[in-house]
């Protein structure tokens, strides 16, 4: 049984993976981190939604969902050719995230949006683009417990020559049959 996904640790892993890939960014952080200043260029990441995905229910007691993440790529207006550079950076982030698990045991990412993010008037000194993506995940603990020994061989027999008295007559199936 896979360990349950801890969403806080998953976000930390996503941030660490992005920071390792995009070393030229001065800030790669979660949206909720406390800061007085924002050194740019920056990538600010947030988990924005857990969208139920009932068609993918694994029937294990876990919550099947699409974990929606957003990364805001932020560049200051003083960056030479800021609008061009922020678009290039957003494209690079989207390309890196596409089909990547970002170090977390959930489904590969599906990028669903890459667009300018101009909703906040207080950030008028910045050019911001948003990259949005989802990962399929099963949240919570499975009620199946994997204990004991996993069989390594498959043996077959036909009735009536079955049971412990006939073990020597069983045939082994090759993997994939």
N, C-alpha and C. Protein backbone atom coordinates (compact mmCIF):
# COMPACT_ATOMS: atom_id res chain seq x y z
N UNK A 1 0.84 -1.18 0.00
CA UNK A 1 0.00 0.00 0.00
C UNK A 1 0.89 1.24 0.00
N UNK A 2 0.60 2.18 -0.87
CA UNK A 2 1.34 3.44 -0.91
C UNK A 2 0.98 4.28 0.30
N UNK A 3 1.96 5.05 0.77
CA UNK A 3 1.68 5.95 1.88
C UNK A 3 0.70 7.01 1.42
N UNK A 4 -0.20 7.45 2.32
CA UNK A 4 -1.13 8.50 1.93
C UNK A 4 -0.39 9.79 1.60
N UNK A 5 -0.97 10.57 0.70
CA UNK A 5 -0.36 11.85 0.31
C UNK A 5 -0.66 12.89 1.36
N UNK A 6 0.39 13.47 1.93
CA UNK A 6 0.26 14.60 2.84
C UNK A 6 0.33 15.85 1.98
N UNK A 7 -0.76 16.60 1.89
CA UNK A 7 -0.83 17.72 0.97
C UNK A 7 0.17 18.82 1.30
N UNK A 8 0.45 19.05 2.58
CA UNK A 8 1.46 20.04 2.95
C UNK A 8 2.85 19.63 2.50
N UNK A 9 3.18 18.36 2.71
CA UNK A 9 4.49 17.88 2.26
C UNK A 9 4.55 17.84 0.73
N UNK A 10 3.43 17.55 0.08
CA UNK A 10 3.39 17.54 -1.39
C UNK A 10 3.69 18.94 -1.92
N UNK A 11 3.09 19.96 -1.32
CA UNK A 11 3.35 21.34 -1.74
C UNK A 11 4.81 21.70 -1.53
N UNK A 12 5.37 21.30 -0.39
CA UNK A 12 6.80 21.55 -0.14
C UNK A 12 7.67 20.89 -1.19
N UNK A 13 7.33 19.66 -1.59
CA UNK A 13 8.11 18.94 -2.60
C UNK A 13 7.98 19.61 -3.97
N UNK A 14 6.79 20.07 -4.32
CA UNK A 14 6.60 20.78 -5.59
C UNK A 14 7.47 22.03 -5.62
N UNK A 15 7.48 22.78 -4.52
CA UNK A 15 8.28 24.01 -4.44
C UNK A 15 9.76 23.69 -4.55
N UNK A 16 10.20 22.67 -3.84
CA UNK A 16 11.62 22.28 -3.89
C UNK A 16 12.01 21.84 -5.30
N UNK A 17 11.14 21.11 -5.98
CA UNK A 17 11.42 20.65 -7.34
C UNK A 17 11.50 21.82 -8.31
N UNK A 18 10.58 22.77 -8.19
CA UNK A 18 10.61 23.96 -9.04
C UNK A 18 11.85 24.81 -8.75
N UNK A 19 12.19 24.96 -7.47
CA UNK A 19 13.37 25.75 -7.10
C UNK A 19 14.65 25.13 -7.67
N UNK A 20 14.73 23.79 -7.65
CA UNK A 20 15.91 23.12 -8.19
C UNK A 20 15.99 23.28 -9.71
N UNK A 21 14.86 23.33 -10.38
CA UNK A 21 14.83 23.45 -11.83
C UNK A 21 15.06 24.90 -12.29
N UNK A 22 14.54 25.86 -11.54
CA UNK A 22 14.60 27.27 -11.95
C UNK A 22 15.46 28.06 -10.97
N UNK A 23 16.75 27.80 -11.03
CA UNK A 23 17.70 28.38 -10.08
C UNK A 23 17.89 29.89 -10.24
N UNK A 24 17.53 30.45 -11.39
CA UNK A 24 17.71 31.89 -11.59
C UNK A 24 16.64 32.72 -10.88
N UNK A 25 15.58 32.07 -10.40
CA UNK A 25 14.54 32.79 -9.67
C UNK A 25 15.01 33.04 -8.24
N UNK A 26 14.85 34.27 -7.77
CA UNK A 26 15.29 34.63 -6.42
C UNK A 26 14.35 34.08 -5.36
N UNK A 27 13.08 33.91 -5.72
CA UNK A 27 12.10 33.40 -4.78
C UNK A 27 11.31 32.30 -5.45
N UNK A 28 11.23 31.14 -4.80
CA UNK A 28 10.30 30.08 -5.17
C UNK A 28 9.70 29.64 -3.85
N UNK A 29 8.42 29.96 -3.65
CA UNK A 29 7.83 29.77 -2.33
C UNK A 29 6.33 29.49 -2.44
N UNK A 30 5.75 29.05 -1.32
CA UNK A 30 4.31 28.88 -1.22
C UNK A 30 3.67 30.24 -1.00
N UNK A 31 2.45 30.37 -1.46
CA UNK A 31 1.73 31.63 -1.33
C UNK A 31 1.59 32.06 0.13
N UNK A 32 1.44 31.11 1.02
CA UNK A 32 1.16 31.45 2.41
C UNK A 32 2.40 31.69 3.27
N UNK A 33 3.58 31.69 2.68
CA UNK A 33 4.78 31.96 3.47
C UNK A 33 4.83 33.44 3.84
N UNK A 34 5.25 33.70 5.08
CA UNK A 34 5.30 35.07 5.59
C UNK A 34 6.50 35.79 4.99
N UNK A 35 6.24 36.96 4.39
CA UNK A 35 7.34 37.74 3.83
C UNK A 35 6.95 39.20 3.81
N UNK A 36 7.93 40.05 4.04
CA UNK A 36 7.72 41.50 3.98
C UNK A 36 8.04 42.01 2.57
N UNK A 37 9.05 41.40 1.93
CA UNK A 37 9.47 41.78 0.59
C UNK A 37 9.43 40.56 -0.31
N UNK A 38 9.33 40.82 -1.58
CA UNK A 38 9.32 39.73 -2.55
C UNK A 38 10.43 39.95 -3.57
N UNK A 39 11.59 39.31 -3.34
CA UNK A 39 12.65 39.40 -4.35
C UNK A 39 12.19 38.74 -5.65
N UNK A 40 12.34 39.47 -6.75
CA UNK A 40 11.94 38.95 -8.05
C UNK A 40 13.16 38.75 -8.93
N UNK A 41 13.11 37.88 -9.89
CA UNK A 41 11.95 37.13 -10.33
C UNK A 41 11.54 36.08 -9.30
N UNK A 42 10.24 35.77 -9.31
CA UNK A 42 9.71 34.86 -8.29
C UNK A 42 8.70 33.89 -8.91
N UNK A 43 8.59 32.73 -8.28
CA UNK A 43 7.53 31.77 -8.57
C UNK A 43 6.81 31.53 -7.25
N UNK A 44 5.54 31.87 -7.20
CA UNK A 44 4.73 31.68 -6.00
C UNK A 44 3.70 30.59 -6.31
N UNK A 45 3.70 29.55 -5.49
CA UNK A 45 2.87 28.36 -5.75
C UNK A 45 1.78 28.25 -4.71
N UNK A 46 0.60 27.84 -5.15
CA UNK A 46 -0.48 27.55 -4.22
C UNK A 46 -1.28 26.35 -4.69
N UNK A 47 -1.84 25.61 -3.73
CA UNK A 47 -2.85 24.60 -4.04
C UNK A 47 -4.16 25.35 -3.97
N UNK A 48 -4.90 25.33 -5.07
CA UNK A 48 -6.09 26.15 -5.11
C UNK A 48 -7.40 25.38 -5.01
N UNK A 49 -7.35 24.06 -5.22
CA UNK A 49 -8.61 23.31 -5.17
C UNK A 49 -8.33 21.82 -5.10
N UNK A 50 -9.24 21.11 -4.45
CA UNK A 50 -9.29 19.65 -4.50
C UNK A 50 -10.63 19.33 -5.16
N UNK A 51 -10.59 19.08 -6.44
CA UNK A 51 -11.81 18.86 -7.21
C UNK A 51 -12.18 17.38 -7.15
N UNK A 52 -13.36 17.04 -6.62
CA UNK A 52 -13.76 15.63 -6.56
C UNK A 52 -13.72 15.00 -7.94
N UNK A 53 -13.28 13.75 -8.00
CA UNK A 53 -13.19 13.00 -9.26
C UNK A 53 -13.81 11.61 -9.03
N UNK A 54 -15.14 11.57 -8.82
CA UNK A 54 -15.79 10.31 -8.43
C UNK A 54 -15.67 9.20 -9.47
N UNK A 55 -15.46 9.54 -10.73
CA UNK A 55 -15.31 8.50 -11.75
C UNK A 55 -14.01 7.72 -11.59
N UNK A 56 -13.08 8.23 -10.82
CA UNK A 56 -11.78 7.57 -10.60
C UNK A 56 -11.68 6.97 -9.19
N UNK A 57 -12.84 6.73 -8.56
CA UNK A 57 -12.84 6.19 -7.20
C UNK A 57 -12.15 4.83 -7.15
N UNK A 58 -11.06 4.70 -6.33
CA UNK A 58 -10.36 3.42 -6.25
C UNK A 58 -11.07 2.41 -5.34
N UNK A 59 -12.16 2.83 -4.70
CA UNK A 59 -12.92 1.97 -3.78
C UNK A 59 -12.04 1.45 -2.65
N UNK A 60 -11.24 2.35 -2.12
CA UNK A 60 -10.34 2.01 -1.02
C UNK A 60 -10.64 2.84 0.22
N UNK A 61 -11.70 3.67 0.15
CA UNK A 61 -12.00 4.57 1.25
C UNK A 61 -11.29 5.91 1.10
N UNK A 62 -10.47 6.05 0.06
CA UNK A 62 -9.76 7.30 -0.17
C UNK A 62 -10.62 8.25 -1.01
N UNK A 63 -10.28 9.54 -0.96
CA UNK A 63 -11.00 10.57 -1.69
C UNK A 63 -10.32 10.80 -3.04
N UNK A 64 -10.97 10.39 -4.15
CA UNK A 64 -10.37 10.61 -5.47
C UNK A 64 -10.59 12.06 -5.89
N UNK A 65 -9.52 12.72 -6.27
CA UNK A 65 -9.67 14.14 -6.63
C UNK A 65 -8.59 14.57 -7.61
N UNK A 66 -8.79 15.75 -8.15
CA UNK A 66 -7.78 16.43 -8.94
C UNK A 66 -7.23 17.54 -8.06
N UNK A 67 -5.95 17.46 -7.75
CA UNK A 67 -5.31 18.49 -6.95
C UNK A 67 -4.88 19.59 -7.91
N UNK A 68 -5.49 20.76 -7.75
CA UNK A 68 -5.23 21.89 -8.65
C UNK A 68 -4.17 22.79 -8.02
N UNK A 69 -3.11 23.05 -8.78
CA UNK A 69 -2.05 23.94 -8.33
C UNK A 69 -1.90 25.10 -9.30
N UNK A 70 -1.41 26.21 -8.77
CA UNK A 70 -1.14 27.39 -9.58
C UNK A 70 0.23 27.91 -9.21
N UNK A 71 0.98 28.30 -10.23
CA UNK A 71 2.26 28.97 -10.00
C UNK A 71 2.15 30.33 -10.67
N UNK A 72 2.44 31.35 -9.91
CA UNK A 72 2.48 32.70 -10.47
C UNK A 72 3.94 33.06 -10.71
N UNK A 73 4.23 33.40 -11.95
CA UNK A 73 5.59 33.78 -12.33
C UNK A 73 5.58 35.31 -12.31
N UNK A 74 6.45 35.88 -11.47
CA UNK A 74 6.43 37.32 -11.21
C UNK A 74 7.77 37.92 -11.58
N UNK A 75 7.69 38.97 -12.38
CA UNK A 75 8.90 39.73 -12.75
C UNK A 75 8.62 41.21 -12.52
N UNK A 76 9.61 41.91 -12.05
CA UNK A 76 9.47 43.34 -11.85
C UNK A 76 9.50 44.09 -13.16
N UNK A 77 8.85 45.26 -13.18
CA UNK A 77 8.83 46.08 -14.39
C UNK A 77 10.22 46.54 -14.81
N UNK A 78 11.17 46.54 -13.90
CA UNK A 78 12.53 46.97 -14.24
C UNK A 78 13.33 45.88 -14.95
N UNK A 79 12.79 44.68 -15.00
CA UNK A 79 13.44 43.61 -15.76
C UNK A 79 13.44 44.01 -17.23
N UNK A 80 14.59 43.97 -17.90
CA UNK A 80 14.61 44.30 -19.33
C UNK A 80 13.63 43.39 -20.10
N UNK A 81 12.80 44.00 -20.92
CA UNK A 81 11.80 43.28 -21.72
C UNK A 81 10.95 42.38 -20.82
N UNK A 82 10.45 42.96 -19.72
CA UNK A 82 9.74 42.20 -18.70
C UNK A 82 8.58 41.38 -19.25
N UNK A 83 7.77 41.97 -20.11
CA UNK A 83 6.61 41.23 -20.62
C UNK A 83 7.04 40.01 -21.44
N UNK A 84 8.06 40.16 -22.22
CA UNK A 84 8.57 39.04 -23.01
C UNK A 84 9.18 37.98 -22.09
N UNK A 85 9.95 38.41 -21.11
CA UNK A 85 10.63 37.47 -20.21
C UNK A 85 9.65 36.70 -19.33
N UNK A 86 8.59 37.34 -18.87
CA UNK A 86 7.63 36.64 -18.02
C UNK A 86 6.87 35.59 -18.82
N UNK A 87 6.57 35.88 -20.09
CA UNK A 87 5.91 34.88 -20.94
C UNK A 87 6.85 33.70 -21.19
N UNK A 88 8.11 33.99 -21.48
CA UNK A 88 9.08 32.91 -21.68
C UNK A 88 9.20 32.04 -20.43
N UNK A 89 9.26 32.69 -19.27
CA UNK A 89 9.38 31.93 -18.01
C UNK A 89 8.13 31.10 -17.76
N UNK A 90 6.94 31.66 -18.03
CA UNK A 90 5.70 30.89 -17.84
C UNK A 90 5.68 29.68 -18.76
N UNK A 91 6.13 29.87 -19.99
CA UNK A 91 6.21 28.74 -20.92
C UNK A 91 7.18 27.67 -20.44
N UNK A 92 8.31 28.11 -19.89
CA UNK A 92 9.30 27.15 -19.38
C UNK A 92 8.75 26.38 -18.19
N UNK A 93 8.03 27.07 -17.30
CA UNK A 93 7.43 26.40 -16.14
C UNK A 93 6.38 25.40 -16.63
N UNK A 94 5.52 25.81 -17.56
CA UNK A 94 4.49 24.91 -18.08
C UNK A 94 5.11 23.68 -18.74
N UNK A 95 6.15 23.88 -19.52
CA UNK A 95 6.82 22.75 -20.18
C UNK A 95 7.43 21.79 -19.15
N UNK A 96 8.00 22.34 -18.08
CA UNK A 96 8.60 21.49 -17.06
C UNK A 96 7.53 20.72 -16.28
N UNK A 97 6.44 21.39 -15.95
CA UNK A 97 5.37 20.77 -15.17
C UNK A 97 4.62 19.71 -15.98
N UNK A 98 4.44 19.95 -17.28
CA UNK A 98 3.67 19.05 -18.14
C UNK A 98 4.12 17.60 -17.99
N UNK A 99 3.19 16.74 -17.63
CA UNK A 99 3.41 15.29 -17.46
C UNK A 99 4.43 14.94 -16.38
N UNK A 100 4.75 15.88 -15.49
CA UNK A 100 5.72 15.66 -14.42
C UNK A 100 4.95 15.40 -13.12
N UNK A 101 5.46 14.54 -12.28
CA UNK A 101 4.85 14.28 -10.97
C UNK A 101 5.43 15.20 -9.89
N UNK A 102 6.50 15.88 -10.22
CA UNK A 102 7.14 16.86 -9.33
C UNK A 102 7.54 16.26 -7.99
N UNK A 103 7.95 14.99 -8.02
CA UNK A 103 8.46 14.34 -6.82
C UNK A 103 7.40 13.82 -5.87
N UNK A 104 6.14 13.84 -6.27
CA UNK A 104 5.04 13.42 -5.39
C UNK A 104 4.37 12.19 -6.02
N UNK A 105 3.98 11.19 -5.21
CA UNK A 105 3.37 9.97 -5.77
C UNK A 105 1.89 10.16 -6.14
N UNK A 106 1.63 11.03 -7.10
CA UNK A 106 0.28 11.24 -7.63
C UNK A 106 0.37 11.19 -9.15
N UNK A 107 -0.71 11.39 -9.83
CA UNK A 107 -0.69 11.32 -11.29
C UNK A 107 0.15 12.41 -11.92
N UNK A 108 0.56 12.17 -13.15
CA UNK A 108 1.35 13.15 -13.89
C UNK A 108 0.52 14.41 -14.11
N UNK A 109 1.19 15.55 -14.13
CA UNK A 109 0.51 16.83 -14.26
C UNK A 109 -0.12 17.01 -15.63
N UNK A 110 -1.25 17.66 -15.62
CA UNK A 110 -1.90 18.09 -16.85
C UNK A 110 -2.06 19.60 -16.75
N UNK A 111 -1.33 20.33 -17.58
CA UNK A 111 -1.40 21.80 -17.57
C UNK A 111 -2.73 22.20 -18.20
N UNK A 112 -3.48 23.07 -17.51
CA UNK A 112 -4.80 23.47 -18.01
C UNK A 112 -4.90 24.95 -18.35
N UNK A 113 -3.92 25.75 -17.92
CA UNK A 113 -3.95 27.18 -18.27
C UNK A 113 -2.57 27.79 -18.12
N UNK A 114 -2.25 28.69 -19.03
CA UNK A 114 -1.05 29.53 -18.96
C UNK A 114 -1.50 30.88 -19.47
N UNK A 115 -1.63 31.85 -18.55
CA UNK A 115 -2.20 33.14 -18.97
C UNK A 115 -1.73 34.28 -18.07
N UNK A 116 -1.92 35.53 -18.55
CA UNK A 116 -1.54 36.67 -17.72
C UNK A 116 -2.43 36.74 -16.50
N UNK A 117 -1.89 37.21 -15.40
CA UNK A 117 -2.64 37.30 -14.15
C UNK A 117 -2.59 38.76 -13.69
N UNK A 118 -3.60 39.50 -14.05
CA UNK A 118 -3.61 40.93 -13.77
C UNK A 118 -4.76 41.31 -12.85
N UNK A 119 -5.20 40.40 -11.99
CA UNK A 119 -6.37 40.64 -11.15
C UNK A 119 -6.09 41.52 -9.94
N UNK A 120 -4.84 41.66 -9.51
CA UNK A 120 -4.54 42.37 -8.28
C UNK A 120 -3.93 43.73 -8.57
N UNK A 121 -4.68 44.82 -8.37
CA UNK A 121 -4.15 46.14 -8.68
C UNK A 121 -2.95 46.54 -7.82
N UNK A 122 -2.80 45.96 -6.64
CA UNK A 122 -1.67 46.31 -5.77
C UNK A 122 -0.34 45.79 -6.29
N UNK A 123 -0.34 44.97 -7.32
CA UNK A 123 0.90 44.45 -7.87
C UNK A 123 1.23 45.12 -9.20
N UNK A 124 0.89 46.38 -9.33
CA UNK A 124 1.09 47.10 -10.58
C UNK A 124 2.56 47.25 -10.96
N UNK A 125 3.48 46.99 -10.05
CA UNK A 125 4.91 47.09 -10.35
C UNK A 125 5.48 45.80 -10.91
N UNK A 126 4.61 44.83 -11.17
CA UNK A 126 5.06 43.52 -11.60
C UNK A 126 4.33 43.07 -12.85
N UNK A 127 4.98 42.21 -13.62
CA UNK A 127 4.32 41.46 -14.68
C UNK A 127 4.16 40.04 -14.15
N UNK A 128 2.93 39.52 -14.22
CA UNK A 128 2.64 38.21 -13.63
C UNK A 128 1.91 37.35 -14.64
N UNK A 129 2.38 36.12 -14.77
CA UNK A 129 1.66 35.10 -15.53
C UNK A 129 1.37 33.94 -14.60
N UNK A 130 0.28 33.24 -14.88
CA UNK A 130 -0.15 32.12 -14.05
C UNK A 130 -0.10 30.84 -14.88
N UNK A 131 0.47 29.79 -14.27
CA UNK A 131 0.46 28.46 -14.85
C UNK A 131 -0.38 27.60 -13.92
N UNK A 132 -1.41 26.97 -14.45
CA UNK A 132 -2.32 26.16 -13.64
C UNK A 132 -2.29 24.72 -14.15
N UNK A 133 -2.26 23.78 -13.21
CA UNK A 133 -2.24 22.37 -13.60
C UNK A 133 -2.92 21.53 -12.53
N UNK A 134 -3.20 20.27 -12.89
CA UNK A 134 -3.84 19.34 -11.96
C UNK A 134 -3.08 18.02 -11.94
N UNK A 135 -3.19 17.36 -10.78
CA UNK A 135 -2.69 16.00 -10.60
C UNK A 135 -3.84 15.15 -10.07
N UNK A 136 -4.05 13.96 -10.64
CA UNK A 136 -5.01 13.02 -10.08
C UNK A 136 -4.39 12.41 -8.83
N UNK A 137 -5.18 12.36 -7.76
CA UNK A 137 -4.66 11.82 -6.50
C UNK A 137 -5.78 11.15 -5.72
N UNK A 138 -5.40 10.22 -4.89
CA UNK A 138 -6.31 9.59 -3.94
C UNK A 138 -5.85 10.05 -2.55
N UNK A 139 -6.67 10.88 -1.91
CA UNK A 139 -6.30 11.49 -0.63
C UNK A 139 -6.86 10.66 0.51
N UNK A 140 -6.06 10.50 1.54
CA UNK A 140 -6.48 9.75 2.73
C UNK A 140 -5.84 8.37 2.76
N UNK A 141 -6.15 7.65 3.79
CA UNK A 141 -5.58 6.32 4.01
C UNK A 141 -6.50 5.26 3.44
N UNK A 142 -5.93 4.33 2.71
CA UNK A 142 -6.69 3.20 2.19
C UNK A 142 -7.06 2.26 3.33
N UNK A 143 -8.24 1.71 3.26
CA UNK A 143 -8.59 0.75 4.31
C UNK A 143 -8.11 -0.65 3.99
N UNK A 144 -7.40 -0.83 2.87
CA UNK A 144 -6.76 -2.10 2.59
C UNK A 144 -5.38 -2.10 3.25
N UNK A 145 -5.07 -3.16 3.94
CA UNK A 145 -3.79 -3.26 4.61
C UNK A 145 -2.99 -4.36 3.92
N UNK A 146 -1.85 -3.99 3.40
CA UNK A 146 -0.99 -4.98 2.75
C UNK A 146 -0.09 -5.61 3.81
N UNK A 147 -0.50 -6.77 4.28
CA UNK A 147 0.30 -7.51 5.25
C UNK A 147 0.53 -8.90 4.70
N UNK A 148 1.53 -9.54 5.21
CA UNK A 148 1.81 -10.89 4.79
C UNK A 148 2.76 -10.93 3.61
N UNK A 149 2.80 -12.06 2.95
CA UNK A 149 3.73 -12.28 1.86
C UNK A 149 2.98 -12.20 0.54
N UNK A 150 3.50 -11.45 -0.39
CA UNK A 150 2.91 -11.39 -1.72
C UNK A 150 3.36 -12.61 -2.50
N UNK A 151 2.40 -13.35 -3.07
CA UNK A 151 2.77 -14.55 -3.81
C UNK A 151 3.70 -14.22 -4.97
N UNK A 152 4.66 -15.10 -5.22
CA UNK A 152 5.60 -14.90 -6.31
C UNK A 152 5.39 -15.92 -7.43
N UNK A 153 4.57 -16.93 -7.19
CA UNK A 153 4.31 -17.96 -8.18
C UNK A 153 2.81 -18.21 -8.26
N UNK A 154 2.34 -18.56 -9.46
CA UNK A 154 0.94 -18.93 -9.66
C UNK A 154 0.93 -20.40 -10.09
N UNK A 155 0.23 -21.22 -9.31
CA UNK A 155 0.13 -22.66 -9.59
C UNK A 155 -1.30 -23.00 -9.96
N UNK A 156 -1.48 -23.91 -10.92
CA UNK A 156 -2.82 -24.30 -11.35
C UNK A 156 -2.97 -25.81 -11.35
N UNK A 157 -4.23 -26.23 -11.24
CA UNK A 157 -4.59 -27.65 -11.32
C UNK A 157 -6.06 -27.71 -11.70
N UNK A 158 -6.50 -28.90 -12.12
CA UNK A 158 -7.91 -29.08 -12.49
C UNK A 158 -8.55 -30.08 -11.52
N UNK A 159 -9.79 -29.80 -11.22
CA UNK A 159 -10.57 -30.69 -10.37
C UNK A 159 -10.68 -32.04 -11.07
N UNK A 160 -10.50 -33.11 -10.45
CA UNK A 160 -10.51 -33.36 -9.00
C UNK A 160 -9.12 -33.47 -8.37
N UNK A 161 -8.07 -33.24 -9.16
CA UNK A 161 -6.72 -33.41 -8.60
C UNK A 161 -6.24 -32.08 -8.02
N UNK A 162 -6.95 -31.63 -6.99
CA UNK A 162 -6.58 -30.38 -6.33
C UNK A 162 -6.44 -30.63 -4.84
N UNK A 163 -5.86 -29.66 -4.15
CA UNK A 163 -5.73 -29.74 -2.70
C UNK A 163 -4.33 -30.18 -2.29
N UNK A 164 -4.06 -30.17 -0.98
CA UNK A 164 -2.72 -30.47 -0.47
C UNK A 164 -2.19 -31.85 -0.87
N UNK A 165 -3.05 -32.81 -1.02
CA UNK A 165 -2.59 -34.15 -1.39
C UNK A 165 -2.08 -34.21 -2.83
N UNK A 166 -2.42 -33.21 -3.64
CA UNK A 166 -2.04 -33.20 -5.06
C UNK A 166 -1.08 -32.07 -5.42
N UNK A 167 -0.43 -31.46 -4.45
CA UNK A 167 0.43 -30.31 -4.70
C UNK A 167 1.52 -30.61 -5.73
N UNK A 168 2.03 -31.80 -5.75
CA UNK A 168 3.08 -32.18 -6.70
C UNK A 168 2.61 -32.18 -8.15
N UNK A 169 1.29 -32.24 -8.37
CA UNK A 169 0.73 -32.28 -9.72
C UNK A 169 0.39 -30.89 -10.27
N UNK A 170 0.51 -29.87 -9.45
CA UNK A 170 0.18 -28.51 -9.90
C UNK A 170 1.21 -28.04 -10.93
N UNK A 171 0.76 -27.19 -11.87
CA UNK A 171 1.64 -26.62 -12.88
C UNK A 171 1.82 -25.13 -12.60
N UNK A 172 3.03 -24.66 -12.82
CA UNK A 172 3.30 -23.24 -12.60
C UNK A 172 3.05 -22.45 -13.88
N UNK A 173 2.32 -21.35 -13.71
CA UNK A 173 2.07 -20.44 -14.85
C UNK A 173 3.21 -19.45 -14.94
N UNK A 174 3.66 -19.20 -16.16
CA UNK A 174 4.67 -18.17 -16.35
C UNK A 174 4.00 -16.81 -16.23
N UNK A 175 4.74 -15.79 -15.80
CA UNK A 175 4.20 -14.45 -15.66
C UNK A 175 3.72 -13.97 -17.01
N UNK A 176 2.50 -13.39 -17.03
CA UNK A 176 1.95 -12.86 -18.26
C UNK A 176 1.05 -13.82 -19.01
N UNK A 177 0.84 -15.02 -18.53
CA UNK A 177 -0.03 -15.97 -19.22
C UNK A 177 -1.46 -15.67 -18.91
